[in-house]
Amino acid sequence: MTGRPDMARFTVWVLASLFSCLLLPAASAADPSPDRMRDLVRMVRQDCGSCHGLTLKGGLGPPLLPETLRDKPAESLMYTVILGRPGTPMPPWNAFMTEAEADWIVRQLMTGFPEEKP
C-alpha cells in the first residue's frame, strides 16, 4: 500500500491547482488604483484618440463608443488592445499596460468612457 500516500499527494496537488485557477481570473479582474485609472483615461483620450478621434467617435480607427462595441466580445477587444492588429495601424499596448488594465479600459469603453480629469 505504498501507493496511497502518492495518490493523496496527487489529489491535493490537483485540487490546489484547480482552486488556484479559479482564483486567478478574480485577481486579474480587480480595477486599477485611482491614480492608474487617471493615467489610463489620459492614455486612451490622448494616444488612442489620435487614431480613434479625440472624442472616440472615429477617425483613422473605428469609433470606440458603446453602441459600436456592443456586439463585440470584450475578451477579443482586450486582446486587440494588448496585441494590436498586425498589418494595420493598430499597435500593441502590452508594453504600457497589463491585461487587467486593458480589460478595465474595454469595460469602460463598452459603458461610456470617462472624461479626462486634470
C-alpha atoms as a PDB file:
ATOM      1  CA  MET A   1       0.000   0.000   0.000  1.00  0.00           C
ATOM      2  CA  THR A   2       2.817   2.385  -0.661  1.00  0.00           C
ATOM      3  CA  GLY A   3       0.792   3.937  -3.496  1.00  0.00           C
ATOM      4  CA  ARG A   4      -1.800   5.537  -1.160  1.00  0.00           C
ATOM      5  CA  PRO A   5       0.349   8.476   0.069  1.00  0.00           C
ATOM      6  CA  ASP A   6       1.338   9.250  -3.531  1.00  0.00           C
ATOM      7  CA  MET A   7      -2.312   9.221  -4.605  1.00  0.00           C
ATOM      8  CA  ALA A   8      -3.277  11.507  -1.708  1.00  0.00           C
ATOM      9  CA  ARG A   9      -0.461  13.914  -2.594  1.00  0.00           C
ATOM     10  CA  PHE A  10      -1.536  13.882  -6.244  1.00  0.00           C
ATOM     11  CA  THR A  11      -5.166  14.550  -5.278  1.00  0.00           C
ATOM     12  CA  VAL A  12      -4.139  17.502  -3.092  1.00  0.00           C
ATOM     13  CA  TRP A  13      -1.977  18.867  -5.924  1.00  0.00           C
ATOM     14  CA  VAL A  14      -4.840  18.577  -8.460  1.00  0.00           C
ATOM     15  CA  LEU A  15      -7.338  20.231  -6.118  1.00  0.00           C
ATOM     16  CA  ALA A  16      -4.902  23.040  -5.267  1.00  0.00           C
ATOM     17  CA  SER A  17      -4.222  23.633  -8.970  1.00  0.00           C
ATOM     18  CA  LEU A  18      -7.923  23.766  -9.803  1.00  0.00           C
ATOM     19  CA  PHE A  19      -8.613  26.107  -6.894  1.00  0.00           C
ATOM     20  CA  SER A  20      -5.807  28.482  -7.911  1.00  0.00           C
ATOM     21  CA  CYS A  21      -7.124  28.543 -11.488  1.00  0.00           C
ATOM     22  CA  LEU A  22     -10.490  29.662 -10.162  1.00  0.00           C
ATOM     23  CA  LEU A  23      -8.904  32.474  -8.158  1.00  0.00           C
ATOM     24  CA  LEU A  24      -6.660  33.862 -10.911  1.00  0.00           C
ATOM     25  CA  PRO A  25      -9.422  35.430 -13.022  1.00  0.00           C
ATOM     26  CA  ALA A  26     -10.873  37.139  -9.957  1.00  0.00           C
ATOM     27  CA  ALA A  27      -7.489  38.545  -9.001  1.00  0.00           C
ATOM     28  CA  SER A  28      -6.794  39.851 -12.501  1.00  0.00           C
ATOM     29  CA  ALA A  29     -10.246  41.444 -12.765  1.00  0.00           C
ATOM     30  CA  ALA A  30      -9.500  43.945  -9.978  1.00  0.00           C
ATOM     31  CA  ASP A  31      -9.808  47.567 -11.035  1.00  0.00           C
ATOM     32  CA  PRO A  32      -6.629  49.651 -11.227  1.00  0.00           C
ATOM     33  CA  SER A  33      -5.853  52.151  -8.485  1.00  0.00           C
ATOM     34  CA  PRO A  34      -7.444  55.619  -8.840  1.00  0.00           C
ATOM     35  CA  ASP A  35      -4.090  57.108  -9.915  1.00  0.00           C
ATOM     36  CA  ARG A  36      -3.601  54.413 -12.536  1.00  0.00           C
ATOM     37  CA  MET A  37      -7.189  54.892 -13.725  1.00  0.00           C
ATOM     38  CA  ARG A  38      -6.398  58.574 -14.355  1.00  0.00           C
ATOM     39  CA  ASP A  39      -3.277  57.555 -16.300  1.00  0.00           C
ATOM     40  CA  LEU A  40      -5.257  55.058 -18.375  1.00  0.00           C
ATOM     41  CA  VAL A  41      -8.039  57.557 -19.122  1.00  0.00           C
ATOM     42  CA  ARG A  42      -5.414  60.100 -20.242  1.00  0.00           C
ATOM     43  CA  MET A  43      -3.699  57.438 -22.376  1.00  0.00           C
ATOM     44  CA  VAL A  44      -6.943  56.463 -24.099  1.00  0.00           C
ATOM     45  CA  ARG A  45      -8.059  60.074 -24.630  1.00  0.00           C
ATOM     46  CA  GLN A  46      -4.681  61.203 -25.979  1.00  0.00           C
ATOM     47  CA  ASP A  47      -2.929  58.190 -27.510  1.00  0.00           C
ATOM     48  CA  CYS A  48      -5.909  56.134 -28.681  1.00  0.00           C
ATOM     49  CA  GLY A  49      -7.743  59.352 -29.532  1.00  0.00           C
ATOM     50  CA  SER A  50      -5.064  60.259 -32.061  1.00  0.00           C
ATOM     51  CA  CYS A  51      -6.434  57.494 -34.327  1.00  0.00           C
ATOM     52  CA  HIS A  52      -9.924  56.859 -32.947  1.00  0.00           C
ATOM     53  CA  GLY A  53     -10.766  60.563 -32.599  1.00  0.00           C
ATOM     54  CA  LEU A  54     -10.332  62.727 -29.520  1.00  0.00           C
ATOM     55  CA  THR A  55     -13.988  62.092 -28.654  1.00  0.00           C
ATOM     56  CA  LEU A  56     -13.559  58.402 -29.629  1.00  0.00           C
ATOM     57  CA  LYS A  57     -16.147  58.831 -32.390  1.00  0.00           C
ATOM     58  CA  GLY A  58     -13.743  57.524 -35.030  1.00  0.00           C
ATOM     59  CA  GLY A  59     -11.008  58.772 -37.292  1.00  0.00           C
ATOM     60  CA  LEU A  60      -8.290  56.644 -38.853  1.00  0.00           C
ATOM     61  CA  GLY A  61      -9.523  53.912 -36.492  1.00  0.00           C
ATOM     62  CA  PRO A  62     -13.162  52.956 -35.859  1.00  0.00           C
ATOM     63  CA  PRO A  63     -15.310  54.612 -33.167  1.00  0.00           C
ATOM     64  CA  LEU A  64     -14.860  53.328 -29.623  1.00  0.00           C
ATOM     65  CA  LEU A  65     -18.381  54.040 -28.425  1.00  0.00           C
ATOM     66  CA  PRO A  66     -20.711  51.695 -26.510  1.00  0.00           C
ATOM     67  CA  GLU A  67     -23.093  51.410 -29.463  1.00  0.00           C
ATOM     68  CA  THR A  68     -20.294  50.357 -31.840  1.00  0.00           C
ATOM     69  CA  LEU A  69     -18.706  47.923 -29.368  1.00  0.00           C
ATOM     70  CA  ARG A  70     -21.939  46.388 -28.032  1.00  0.00           C
ATOM     71  CA  ASP A  71     -21.849  43.230 -30.188  1.00  0.00           C
ATOM     72  CA  LYS A  72     -18.116  42.594 -29.890  1.00  0.00           C
ATOM     73  CA  PRO A  73     -16.717  40.132 -27.330  1.00  0.00           C
ATOM     74  CA  ALA A  74     -14.949  42.021 -24.524  1.00  0.00           C
ATOM     75  CA  GLU A  75     -12.123  39.474 -24.392  1.00  0.00           C
ATOM     76  CA  SER A  76     -11.438  39.926 -28.101  1.00  0.00           C
ATOM     77  CA  LEU A  77     -11.316  43.711 -27.663  1.00  0.00           C
ATOM     78  CA  MET A  78      -8.953  43.344 -24.714  1.00  0.00           C
ATOM     79  CA  TYR A  79      -6.562  41.225 -26.779  1.00  0.00           C
ATOM     80  CA  THR A  80      -6.760  43.758 -29.619  1.00  0.00           C
ATOM     81  CA  VAL A  81      -5.633  46.440 -27.162  1.00  0.00           C
ATOM     82  CA  ILE A  82      -2.833  44.272 -25.768  1.00  0.00           C
ATOM     83  CA  LEU A  83      -1.593  42.658 -29.009  1.00  0.00           C
ATOM     84  CA  GLY A  84      -2.635  45.214 -31.628  1.00  0.00           C
ATOM     85  CA  ARG A  85      -3.698  44.144 -35.106  1.00  0.00           C
ATOM     86  CA  PRO A  86      -0.754  43.052 -37.270  1.00  0.00           C
ATOM     87  CA  GLY A  87      -0.862  44.537 -40.752  1.00  0.00           C
ATOM     88  CA  THR A  88      -2.904  47.531 -39.576  1.00  0.00           C
ATOM     89  CA  PRO A  89      -2.005  50.814 -37.847  1.00  0.00           C
ATOM     90  CA  MET A  90      -3.332  49.400 -34.523  1.00  0.00           C
ATOM     91  CA  PRO A  91      -0.221  48.955 -32.330  1.00  0.00           C
ATOM     92  CA  PRO A  92       0.164  46.601 -29.366  1.00  0.00           C
ATOM     93  CA  TRP A  93      -0.090  48.313 -25.979  1.00  0.00           C
ATOM     94  CA  ASN A  94       1.251  45.424 -23.861  1.00  0.00           C
ATOM     95  CA  ALA A  95       4.406  47.410 -23.044  1.00  0.00           C
ATOM     96  CA  PHE A  96       2.272  50.097 -21.390  1.00  0.00           C
ATOM     97  CA  MET A  97      -0.443  48.157 -19.554  1.00  0.00           C
ATOM     98  CA  THR A  98      -1.396  44.781 -18.161  1.00  0.00           C
ATOM     99  CA  GLU A  99      -4.204  42.582 -19.449  1.00  0.00           C
ATOM    100  CA  ALA A 100      -6.244  43.539 -16.372  1.00  0.00           C
ATOM    101  CA  GLU A 101      -5.794  47.221 -17.198  1.00  0.00           C
ATOM    102  CA  ALA A 102      -6.748  46.601 -20.835  1.00  0.00           C
ATOM    103  CA  ASP A 103      -9.819  44.739 -19.576  1.00  0.00           C
ATOM    104  CA  TRP A 104     -10.734  47.754 -17.420  1.00  0.00           C
ATOM    105  CA  ILE A 105     -10.364  50.054 -20.446  1.00  0.00           C
ATOM    106  CA  VAL A 106     -12.593  47.820 -22.571  1.00  0.00           C
ATOM    107  CA  ARG A 107     -15.245  47.680 -19.835  1.00  0.00           C
ATOM    108  CA  GLN A 108     -15.170  51.481 -19.634  1.00  0.00           C
ATOM    109  CA  LEU A 109     -15.402  51.864 -23.409  1.00  0.00           C
ATOM    110  CA  MET A 110     -18.368  49.488 -23.536  1.00  0.00           C
ATOM    111  CA  THR A 111     -20.300  51.515 -20.959  1.00  0.00           C
ATOM    112  CA  GLY A 112     -19.204  55.054 -21.865  1.00  0.00           C
ATOM    113  CA  PHE A 113     -15.616  56.160 -21.348  1.00  0.00           C
ATOM    114  CA  PRO A 114     -14.979  58.663 -18.516  1.00  0.00           C
ATOM    115  CA  GLU A 115     -13.805  62.183 -19.252  1.00  0.00           C
ATOM    116  CA  GLU A 116     -10.184  63.069 -18.590  1.00  0.00           C
ATOM    117  CA  LYS A 117      -9.723  64.904 -15.292  1.00  0.00           C
ATOM    118  CA  PRO A 118      -6.677  67.085 -14.610  1.00  0.00           C
END
